Amino acid sequence: MAPGIGFAVGIQRLIPFIGYHHILMILIAVAIILLSLLLAGCSSSSPLIPGIFLIDFYYQTYTPTYDPAQVDPGVTAAIANIVGQTQLEVRVGYFGLCIASDAGNYLCSNNATLLAEQISIDKDPMNLIWVANTFKNSVVFPWLM
């Protein structure tokens, strides 16, 4: 008998014993593992944890577009002037927030006030950290899981 054939025959004998409930148990185990990783996201500044998040808020430089449907088209230009060249990224997890620092690493905390104190006013002109914290506290509800 060839070396690989014995293994294939062995698996074919096990297939009748694998039921639908076994497949469901495997899927549930995978879902539990992925949900636990999602719950841990943005809770610490460990190397891989800030990469797991629910939503990402950031400033983007853009050219204002004017539309006749806008009541005050000057607002888009004013917002573009306020934002300017700001480069801030805020990631939201179930239990914390992470902000990208200038060095490229992330500062994570469950307290948005502490994160806001770490950066200067010109880096967050439209209170993006506050918006992310409001999203986390008002929309995200981890206890439902």
N, C-alpha and C. Protein backbone atom coordinates (compact mmCIF):
# COMPACT_ATOMS: atom_id res chain seq x y z
N MET A 1 0.86 -1.18 0.00
CA MET A 1 0.00 0.00 0.00
C MET A 1 0.90 1.24 0.00
N ALA A 2 0.51 2.23 -0.77
CA ALA A 2 1.29 3.46 -0.86
C ALA A 2 1.19 4.22 0.46
N PRO A 3 2.20 5.06 0.79
CA PRO A 3 2.21 5.73 2.09
C PRO A 3 1.04 6.67 2.32
N GLY A 4 0.55 7.38 1.33
CA GLY A 4 -0.53 8.36 1.53
C GLY A 4 -1.91 7.74 1.50
N ILE A 5 -2.05 6.53 0.98
CA ILE A 5 -3.37 5.92 0.82
C ILE A 5 -3.94 5.48 2.16
N GLY A 6 -3.12 4.98 3.05
CA GLY A 6 -3.60 4.53 4.36
C GLY A 6 -4.25 5.66 5.16
N PHE A 7 -3.69 6.85 5.08
CA PHE A 7 -4.26 7.99 5.79
C PHE A 7 -5.60 8.38 5.19
N ALA A 8 -5.71 8.37 3.86
CA ALA A 8 -6.96 8.72 3.20
C ALA A 8 -8.05 7.72 3.54
N VAL A 9 -7.72 6.44 3.60
CA VAL A 9 -8.70 5.42 3.96
C VAL A 9 -9.11 5.60 5.42
N GLY A 10 -8.17 5.97 6.29
CA GLY A 10 -8.49 6.18 7.70
C GLY A 10 -9.47 7.32 7.90
N ILE A 11 -9.31 8.40 7.14
CA ILE A 11 -10.23 9.54 7.26
C ILE A 11 -11.60 9.18 6.70
N GLN A 12 -11.63 8.40 5.62
CA GLN A 12 -12.92 8.00 5.05
C GLN A 12 -13.70 7.12 6.01
N ARG A 13 -13.01 6.37 6.86
CA ARG A 13 -13.73 5.57 7.86
C ARG A 13 -14.30 6.44 8.97
N LEU A 14 -13.70 7.61 9.23
CA LEU A 14 -14.19 8.49 10.29
C LEU A 14 -15.35 9.38 9.85
N ILE A 15 -15.48 9.63 8.56
CA ILE A 15 -16.52 10.54 8.06
C ILE A 15 -17.92 10.14 8.50
N PRO A 16 -18.31 8.87 8.49
CA PRO A 16 -19.67 8.54 8.95
C PRO A 16 -19.92 8.89 10.42
N PHE A 17 -18.86 8.97 11.22
CA PHE A 17 -19.03 9.27 12.64
C PHE A 17 -19.08 10.77 12.93
N ILE A 18 -18.76 11.60 11.94
CA ILE A 18 -18.84 13.05 12.12
C ILE A 18 -20.25 13.48 11.79
N GLY A 19 -20.92 13.95 12.79
CA GLY A 19 -22.30 14.37 12.60
C GLY A 19 -22.41 15.88 12.42
N TYR A 20 -23.63 16.29 12.15
CA TYR A 20 -23.93 17.70 11.96
C TYR A 20 -23.60 18.50 13.22
N HIS A 21 -23.84 17.91 14.37
CA HIS A 21 -23.58 18.61 15.63
C HIS A 21 -22.09 18.83 15.86
N HIS A 22 -21.24 17.95 15.33
CA HIS A 22 -19.80 18.15 15.47
C HIS A 22 -19.35 19.38 14.68
N ILE A 23 -19.89 19.53 13.48
CA ILE A 23 -19.55 20.70 12.66
C ILE A 23 -20.04 21.97 13.34
N LEU A 24 -21.23 21.93 13.92
CA LEU A 24 -21.74 23.10 14.64
C LEU A 24 -20.87 23.44 15.84
N MET A 25 -20.40 22.44 16.56
CA MET A 25 -19.52 22.69 17.71
C MET A 25 -18.21 23.34 17.28
N ILE A 26 -17.67 22.91 16.16
CA ILE A 26 -16.43 23.52 15.65
C ILE A 26 -16.68 24.97 15.26
N LEU A 27 -17.80 25.24 14.58
CA LEU A 27 -18.12 26.62 14.21
C LEU A 27 -18.34 27.50 15.44
N ILE A 28 -18.99 26.97 16.46
CA ILE A 28 -19.20 27.75 17.69
C ILE A 28 -17.87 28.03 18.38
N ALA A 29 -16.97 27.05 18.40
CA ALA A 29 -15.66 27.26 19.02
C ALA A 29 -14.88 28.35 18.28
N VAL A 30 -14.92 28.32 16.95
CA VAL A 30 -14.24 29.36 16.16
C VAL A 30 -14.86 30.72 16.43
N ALA A 31 -16.20 30.78 16.51
CA ALA A 31 -16.88 32.06 16.78
C ALA A 31 -16.51 32.60 18.16
N ILE A 32 -16.41 31.73 19.15
CA ILE A 32 -16.04 32.17 20.51
C ILE A 32 -14.62 32.72 20.52
N ILE A 33 -13.72 32.06 19.82
CA ILE A 33 -12.34 32.54 19.77
C ILE A 33 -12.26 33.90 19.09
N LEU A 34 -12.95 34.06 17.97
CA LEU A 34 -12.92 35.35 17.26
C LEU A 34 -13.59 36.46 18.06
N LEU A 35 -14.69 36.15 18.75
CA LEU A 35 -15.35 37.16 19.58
C LEU A 35 -14.48 37.57 20.76
N SER A 36 -13.76 36.63 21.34
CA SER A 36 -12.88 37.00 22.45
C SER A 36 -11.74 37.89 21.97
N LEU A 37 -11.23 37.65 20.77
CA LEU A 37 -10.22 38.54 20.21
C LEU A 37 -10.80 39.93 19.95
N LEU A 38 -12.03 39.98 19.44
CA LEU A 38 -12.67 41.27 19.17
C LEU A 38 -12.92 42.04 20.47
N LEU A 39 -13.30 41.33 21.52
CA LEU A 39 -13.51 42.00 22.81
C LEU A 39 -12.20 42.53 23.38
N ALA A 40 -11.10 41.86 23.10
CA ALA A 40 -9.81 42.30 23.63
C ALA A 40 -9.22 43.45 22.82
N GLY A 41 -9.74 43.73 21.65
CA GLY A 41 -9.18 44.77 20.78
C GLY A 41 -9.21 46.15 21.42
N CYS A 42 -8.15 46.91 21.22
CA CYS A 42 -7.98 48.28 21.73
C CYS A 42 -8.03 48.36 23.25
N SER A 43 -7.75 47.26 23.92
CA SER A 43 -7.76 47.31 25.38
C SER A 43 -6.35 47.49 25.95
N SER A 44 -5.32 47.23 25.17
CA SER A 44 -3.96 47.45 25.63
C SER A 44 -3.09 47.84 24.44
N SER A 45 -1.89 48.28 24.73
CA SER A 45 -0.98 48.72 23.67
C SER A 45 -0.03 47.61 23.23
N SER A 46 -0.40 46.36 23.47
CA SER A 46 0.41 45.24 22.99
C SER A 46 0.54 45.32 21.48
N PRO A 47 1.56 44.71 20.91
CA PRO A 47 1.83 44.91 19.48
C PRO A 47 0.66 44.60 18.54
N LEU A 48 -0.11 43.55 18.77
CA LEU A 48 -1.16 43.18 17.82
C LEU A 48 -2.56 43.62 18.24
N ILE A 49 -2.76 43.95 19.50
CA ILE A 49 -4.10 44.28 19.99
C ILE A 49 -4.67 45.55 19.34
N PRO A 50 -3.91 46.63 19.12
CA PRO A 50 -4.51 47.81 18.46
C PRO A 50 -4.95 47.54 17.02
N GLY A 51 -4.50 46.46 16.43
CA GLY A 51 -4.91 46.12 15.07
C GLY A 51 -6.28 45.47 15.01
N ILE A 52 -6.87 45.16 16.16
CA ILE A 52 -8.21 44.57 16.21
C ILE A 52 -9.14 45.63 16.76
N PHE A 53 -10.05 46.12 15.95
CA PHE A 53 -10.92 47.20 16.38
C PHE A 53 -12.25 47.12 15.65
N LEU A 54 -13.24 47.86 16.16
CA LEU A 54 -14.56 47.89 15.55
C LEU A 54 -14.66 48.90 14.43
N ILE A 55 -14.20 50.11 14.70
CA ILE A 55 -14.30 51.20 13.72
C ILE A 55 -13.10 52.11 13.89
N ASP A 56 -12.77 52.79 12.82
CA ASP A 56 -11.59 53.64 12.77
C ASP A 56 -12.02 55.04 12.33
N PHE A 57 -11.74 56.03 13.17
CA PHE A 57 -12.02 57.42 12.83
C PHE A 57 -10.70 58.11 12.51
N TYR A 58 -10.68 58.92 11.44
CA TYR A 58 -9.45 59.64 11.10
C TYR A 58 -9.79 60.87 10.29
N TYR A 59 -8.87 61.82 10.30
CA TYR A 59 -8.99 63.02 9.48
C TYR A 59 -8.44 62.71 8.09
N GLN A 60 -9.12 63.24 7.07
CA GLN A 60 -8.66 63.06 5.71
C GLN A 60 -8.67 64.41 5.00
N THR A 61 -7.56 64.74 4.38
CA THR A 61 -7.48 65.98 3.62
C THR A 61 -8.29 65.83 2.33
N TYR A 62 -9.12 66.80 2.04
CA TYR A 62 -9.95 66.72 0.84
C TYR A 62 -10.18 68.11 0.28
N THR A 63 -10.55 68.13 -0.98
CA THR A 63 -10.94 69.38 -1.63
C THR A 63 -12.44 69.55 -1.45
N PRO A 64 -12.88 70.68 -0.92
CA PRO A 64 -14.32 70.85 -0.70
C PRO A 64 -15.10 70.82 -2.01
N THR A 65 -16.21 70.13 -2.00
CA THR A 65 -17.09 70.10 -3.17
C THR A 65 -18.33 70.92 -2.87
N TYR A 66 -18.74 71.67 -3.85
CA TYR A 66 -19.91 72.53 -3.69
C TYR A 66 -21.07 71.94 -4.48
N ASP A 67 -22.22 71.94 -3.87
CA ASP A 67 -23.43 71.40 -4.48
C ASP A 67 -24.54 72.42 -4.31
N PRO A 68 -25.36 72.62 -5.33
CA PRO A 68 -26.46 73.59 -5.18
C PRO A 68 -27.47 73.20 -4.10
N ALA A 69 -27.47 71.95 -3.69
CA ALA A 69 -28.41 71.51 -2.65
C ALA A 69 -27.95 71.93 -1.26
N GLN A 70 -26.71 72.40 -1.12
CA GLN A 70 -26.21 72.83 0.18
C GLN A 70 -26.74 74.22 0.50
N VAL A 71 -27.27 74.37 1.70
CA VAL A 71 -27.78 75.67 2.13
C VAL A 71 -26.64 76.65 2.30
N ASP A 72 -25.57 76.21 2.96
CA ASP A 72 -24.40 77.06 3.16
C ASP A 72 -23.16 76.33 2.64
N PRO A 73 -22.80 76.53 1.38
CA PRO A 73 -21.65 75.79 0.83
C PRO A 73 -20.32 76.19 1.45
N GLY A 74 -20.27 77.28 2.17
CA GLY A 74 -19.03 77.69 2.82
C GLY A 74 -18.64 76.82 3.99
N VAL A 75 -19.57 76.01 4.49
CA VAL A 75 -19.28 75.15 5.64
C VAL A 75 -18.25 74.10 5.26
N THR A 76 -18.35 73.52 4.06
CA THR A 76 -17.38 72.51 3.67
C THR A 76 -15.97 73.09 3.57
N ALA A 77 -15.86 74.31 3.08
CA ALA A 77 -14.54 74.96 3.02
C ALA A 77 -14.04 75.28 4.41
N ALA A 78 -14.94 75.70 5.30
CA ALA A 78 -14.53 76.00 6.68
C ALA A 78 -14.03 74.75 7.39
N ILE A 79 -14.72 73.63 7.20
CA ILE A 79 -14.28 72.38 7.83
C ILE A 79 -12.94 71.94 7.26
N ALA A 80 -12.77 72.07 5.95
CA ALA A 80 -11.48 71.71 5.34
C ALA A 80 -10.36 72.59 5.87
N ASN A 81 -10.64 73.87 6.13
CA ASN A 81 -9.62 74.76 6.69
C ASN A 81 -9.31 74.42 8.14
N ILE A 82 -10.33 74.03 8.90
CA ILE A 82 -10.11 73.66 10.30
C ILE A 82 -9.26 72.40 10.39
N VAL A 83 -9.60 71.41 9.60
CA VAL A 83 -8.87 70.14 9.64
C VAL A 83 -7.45 70.32 9.12
N GLY A 84 -7.30 71.03 8.01
CA GLY A 84 -5.97 71.29 7.46
C GLY A 84 -5.23 70.00 7.13
N GLN A 85 -4.02 69.88 7.64
CA GLN A 85 -3.18 68.71 7.39
C GLN A 85 -3.10 67.79 8.60
N THR A 86 -4.13 67.80 9.42
CA THR A 86 -4.12 66.99 10.64
C THR A 86 -4.08 65.51 10.30
N GLN A 87 -3.23 64.78 11.01
CA GLN A 87 -3.10 63.34 10.84
C GLN A 87 -3.36 62.67 12.18
N LEU A 88 -4.61 62.37 12.48
CA LEU A 88 -4.94 61.67 13.72
C LEU A 88 -5.85 60.50 13.38
N GLU A 89 -5.58 59.38 14.00
CA GLU A 89 -6.39 58.18 13.81
C GLU A 89 -6.81 57.66 15.17
N VAL A 90 -8.10 57.42 15.34
CA VAL A 90 -8.63 56.89 16.59
C VAL A 90 -9.35 55.59 16.28
N ARG A 91 -8.93 54.52 16.93
CA ARG A 91 -9.56 53.21 16.76
C ARG A 91 -10.41 52.91 17.99
N VAL A 92 -11.59 52.34 17.74
CA VAL A 92 -12.54 52.07 18.81
C VAL A 92 -12.70 50.57 18.96
N GLY A 93 -12.54 50.09 20.20
CA GLY A 93 -12.84 48.71 20.54
C GLY A 93 -13.99 48.68 21.53
N TYR A 94 -14.37 47.49 21.97
CA TYR A 94 -15.47 47.39 22.93
C TYR A 94 -15.14 48.06 24.25
N PHE A 95 -13.91 47.89 24.72
CA PHE A 95 -13.56 48.39 26.05
C PHE A 95 -12.50 49.47 26.05
N GLY A 96 -12.12 50.00 24.89
CA GLY A 96 -11.08 51.02 24.89
C GLY A 96 -10.94 51.72 23.56
N LEU A 97 -10.07 52.73 23.58
CA LEU A 97 -9.74 53.53 22.40
C LEU A 97 -8.23 53.48 22.20
N CYS A 98 -7.81 53.58 20.95
CA CYS A 98 -6.39 53.68 20.63
C CYS A 98 -6.18 54.87 19.70
N ILE A 99 -5.15 55.66 19.97
CA ILE A 99 -4.80 56.76 19.07
C ILE A 99 -3.40 56.48 18.53
N ALA A 100 -3.20 56.86 17.27
CA ALA A 100 -1.90 56.68 16.64
C ALA A 100 -1.00 57.84 17.05
N SER A 101 0.15 57.52 17.60
CA SER A 101 1.09 58.57 17.99
C SER A 101 1.98 58.92 16.80
N ASP A 102 2.79 59.94 16.97
CA ASP A 102 3.67 60.40 15.89
C ASP A 102 4.72 59.34 15.53
N ALA A 103 5.11 58.54 16.49
CA ALA A 103 6.13 57.52 16.24
C ALA A 103 5.58 56.32 15.48
N GLY A 104 4.28 56.25 15.29
CA GLY A 104 3.69 55.15 14.55
C GLY A 104 3.09 54.07 15.42
N ASN A 105 3.37 54.11 16.71
CA ASN A 105 2.76 53.13 17.59
C ASN A 105 1.46 53.69 18.16
N TYR A 106 0.70 52.86 18.84
CA TYR A 106 -0.61 53.25 19.33
C TYR A 106 -0.61 53.38 20.85
N LEU A 107 -1.32 54.40 21.31
CA LEU A 107 -1.57 54.57 22.74
C LEU A 107 -3.01 54.14 22.98
N CYS A 108 -3.21 53.19 23.87
CA CYS A 108 -4.54 52.65 24.11
C CYS A 108 -4.93 52.86 25.57
N SER A 109 -6.21 53.14 25.77
CA SER A 109 -6.74 53.31 27.12
C SER A 109 -8.25 53.19 27.07
N ASN A 110 -8.83 52.88 28.22
CA ASN A 110 -10.29 52.88 28.30
C ASN A 110 -10.81 54.24 28.74
N ASN A 111 -9.91 55.18 29.02
CA ASN A 111 -10.27 56.52 29.45
C ASN A 111 -9.91 57.52 28.35
N ALA A 112 -10.92 58.09 27.70
CA ALA A 112 -10.68 59.02 26.60
C ALA A 112 -10.03 60.31 27.07
N THR A 113 -10.29 60.71 28.31
CA THR A 113 -9.69 61.94 28.83
C THR A 113 -8.18 61.81 28.91
N LEU A 114 -7.69 60.66 29.33
CA LEU A 114 -6.24 60.45 29.39
C LEU A 114 -5.62 60.49 27.99
N LEU A 115 -6.32 59.93 27.02
CA LEU A 115 -5.80 59.97 25.65
C LEU A 115 -5.80 61.39 25.10
N ALA A 116 -6.85 62.16 25.40
CA ALA A 116 -6.93 63.54 24.91
C ALA A 116 -5.83 64.40 25.52
N GLU A 117 -5.42 64.10 26.74
CA GLU A 117 -4.35 64.87 27.37
C GLU A 117 -2.98 64.56 26.77
N GLN A 118 -2.86 63.46 26.06
CA GLN A 118 -1.57 63.06 25.48
C GLN A 118 -1.23 63.80 24.19
N ILE A 119 -2.23 64.43 23.56
CA ILE A 119 -1.97 65.10 22.29
C ILE A 119 -2.31 66.58 22.42
N SER A 120 -1.79 67.37 21.50
CA SER A 120 -2.04 68.81 21.54
C SER A 120 -3.35 69.14 20.83
N ILE A 121 -3.83 70.36 21.03
CA ILE A 121 -5.12 70.79 20.47
C ILE A 121 -5.08 70.80 18.95
N ASP A 122 -3.96 71.18 18.37
CA ASP A 122 -3.90 71.26 16.90
C ASP A 122 -3.92 69.89 16.22
N LYS A 123 -3.69 68.81 16.98
CA LYS A 123 -3.75 67.47 16.39
C LYS A 123 -5.16 66.91 16.38
N ASP A 124 -6.07 67.50 17.14
CA ASP A 124 -7.47 67.05 17.16
C ASP A 124 -8.39 68.26 17.16
N PRO A 125 -8.47 68.99 16.03
CA PRO A 125 -9.23 70.24 16.03
C PRO A 125 -10.75 70.06 16.10
N MET A 126 -11.26 68.89 15.73
CA MET A 126 -12.71 68.69 15.74
C MET A 126 -13.13 67.62 16.74
N ASN A 127 -12.32 67.41 17.77
CA ASN A 127 -12.63 66.51 18.88
C ASN A 127 -12.97 65.10 18.43
N LEU A 128 -12.10 64.53 17.63
CA LEU A 128 -12.31 63.18 17.12
C LEU A 128 -12.25 62.14 18.24
N ILE A 129 -11.43 62.37 19.24
CA ILE A 129 -11.36 61.44 20.37
C ILE A 129 -12.68 61.44 21.12
N TRP A 130 -13.28 62.60 21.29
CA TRP A 130 -14.58 62.69 21.96
C TRP A 130 -15.66 61.99 21.13
N VAL A 131 -15.62 62.16 19.80
CA VAL A 131 -16.60 61.50 18.92
C VAL A 131 -16.46 59.98 19.03
N ALA A 132 -15.23 59.48 19.03
CA ALA A 132 -15.00 58.04 19.15
C ALA A 132 -15.46 57.53 20.51
N ASN A 133 -15.20 58.29 21.56
CA ASN A 133 -15.64 57.88 22.89
C ASN A 133 -17.17 57.88 22.99
N THR A 134 -17.81 58.86 22.39
CA THR A 134 -19.28 58.89 22.38
C THR A 134 -19.83 57.70 21.61
N PHE A 135 -19.20 57.34 20.50
CA PHE A 135 -19.62 56.15 19.76
C PHE A 135 -19.47 54.90 20.62
N LYS A 136 -18.33 54.79 21.30
CA LYS A 136 -18.08 53.61 22.14
C LYS A 136 -19.10 53.50 23.27
N ASN A 137 -19.41 54.61 23.90
CA ASN A 137 -20.31 54.58 25.05
C ASN A 137 -21.78 54.52 24.67
N SER A 138 -22.15 55.07 23.52
CA SER A 138 -23.57 55.15 23.16
C SER A 138 -24.02 54.05 22.20
N VAL A 139 -23.15 53.58 21.35
CA VAL A 139 -23.55 52.62 20.32
C VAL A 139 -23.10 51.21 20.64
N VAL A 140 -21.86 51.06 21.06
CA VAL A 140 -21.29 49.74 21.29
C VAL A 140 -21.74 49.24 22.66
N PHE A 141 -22.27 48.04 22.68
CA PHE A 141 -22.80 47.46 23.92
C PHE A 141 -22.27 46.04 24.06
N PRO A 142 -21.11 45.84 24.71
CA PRO A 142 -20.51 44.51 24.76
C PRO A 142 -21.26 43.52 25.64
N TRP A 143 -22.08 43.99 26.54
CA TRP A 143 -22.75 43.08 27.47
C TRP A 143 -23.87 42.30 26.78
N LEU A 144 -24.23 42.68 25.58
CA LEU A 144 -25.27 41.97 24.84
C LEU A 144 -24.78 40.60 24.38
N MET A 145 -23.47 40.49 24.18
CA MET A 145 -22.93 39.21 23.71
C MET A 145 -23.05 38.21 24.82
